[in-house]
Protein backbone atom coordinates (compact mmCIF):
# COMPACT_ATOMS: atom_id res chain seq x y z
CA MET A 1 -55.77 27.80 41.41
CA TYR A 2 -54.19 30.85 42.13
CA GLY A 3 -50.25 30.07 42.84
CA GLN A 4 -50.36 26.71 41.06
CA THR A 5 -48.61 26.29 37.45
CA THR A 6 -48.50 23.35 35.10
CA VAL A 7 -45.56 22.06 34.19
CA THR A 8 -45.19 20.80 30.74
CA THR A 9 -43.27 18.33 29.07
CA PRO A 10 -42.43 17.56 25.04
CA SER A 11 -43.90 15.22 23.68
CA SER A 12 -41.79 12.33 22.60
CA ALA A 13 -42.06 13.33 19.09
CA ALA A 14 -41.42 16.62 19.44
CA SER A 15 -37.94 15.54 21.36
CA ARG A 16 -36.95 12.85 18.46
CA MET A 17 -34.11 13.95 17.42
CA TYR A 18 -32.79 11.94 14.01
CA ARG A 19 -29.07 11.78 11.77
CA ILE A 20 -29.44 11.83 7.69
CA GLU A 21 -26.26 10.81 5.96
CA VAL A 22 -26.40 12.24 2.32
CA GLU A 23 -24.22 11.92 -0.58
CA GLY A 24 -23.20 13.90 -3.92
CA MET A 25 -24.04 17.15 -2.03
CA ARG A 26 -22.36 20.25 -3.91
CA GLN A 27 -21.66 24.15 -3.54
CA SER A 28 -24.52 26.08 -5.52
CA SER A 29 -26.25 28.85 -5.22
CA GLU A 30 -29.17 27.21 -2.53
CA SER A 31 -26.16 25.98 -0.10
CA ASP A 32 -24.28 29.39 -0.95
CA LYS A 33 -27.26 30.62 1.57
CA GLN A 34 -26.03 28.19 4.21
CA SER A 35 -23.69 29.81 7.19
CA TYR A 36 -21.55 26.38 6.59
CA ALA A 37 -19.45 24.84 3.19
CA ILE A 38 -20.24 22.08 1.42
CA ARG A 39 -17.41 19.43 2.15
CA LYS A 40 -16.34 17.68 -0.78
CA SER A 41 -15.76 14.63 0.93
CA GLY A 42 -18.30 11.37 0.56
CA SER A 43 -20.68 11.68 3.44
CA VAL A 44 -22.09 14.80 5.07
CA PHE A 45 -24.66 14.53 8.44
CA PHE A 46 -27.00 16.18 9.26
CA THR A 47 -29.23 16.02 13.12
CA VAL A 48 -32.63 17.50 12.83
CA PRO A 49 -35.58 17.51 14.50
CA TYR A 50 -38.92 14.77 13.81
CA SER A 51 -40.44 18.55 13.51
CA ARG A 52 -37.81 19.79 10.98
CA MET A 53 -36.92 16.56 8.75
CA ASN A 54 -39.25 17.15 6.32
CA GLU A 55 -37.99 20.79 5.84
CA GLN A 56 -34.00 19.73 5.36
CA MET A 57 -34.20 16.50 3.12
CA ARG A 58 -36.39 19.36 0.93
CA ARG A 59 -33.26 20.97 0.96
CA ILE A 60 -31.32 18.51 0.77
CA ASN A 61 -32.66 17.49 -2.61
CA ARG A 62 -32.68 21.52 -4.08
CA MET A 63 -28.69 20.89 -3.19
CA GLY A 64 -28.22 18.04 -5.58
CA GLY A 65 -27.75 15.46 -2.19
CA LYS A 66 -28.67 11.68 -2.27
CA ILE A 67 -30.06 10.34 1.27
CA VAL A 68 -28.28 7.71 2.44
CA SER A 69 -30.13 6.89 5.67
CA ILE A 70 -31.43 8.13 8.31
CA GLU A 71 -31.25 7.08 12.07
CA PRO A 72 -33.22 8.13 15.00
CA LEU A 73 -30.76 8.96 17.81
CA ASN A 74 -31.06 8.09 21.20
CA THR A 75 -31.77 10.41 23.90
CA GLU A 76 -32.59 8.83 26.81
CA PRO A 77 -30.28 6.45 29.05
CA GLU A 78 -30.90 3.15 28.54
CA THR A 79 -31.38 1.27 30.99
CA GLU A 80 -30.39 -2.12 32.70
CA SER A 81 -32.27 -4.89 32.95
CA SER A 82 -31.50 -7.48 35.51
CA GLU A 83 -31.89 -10.97 34.10
CA ASN A 84 -31.29 -13.49 36.98
């Protein structure tokens, strides 16, 4: 109707964030396209939304990295349960 608006919230899949831990990254022609240099330390961490995870994992493989772990980041505040 006229004057009514709808408010949509992103789906839970769209709002989920993940942290990817990667070892063995090397500076290459592919990584030179990035806006940041690859560190020489053992691990590199990337934080990506669920919708871009596949794309980021492909990029990591092209740069010679090995994915060590993928962890979901808790973006929702924890609720305390009261036990009596």
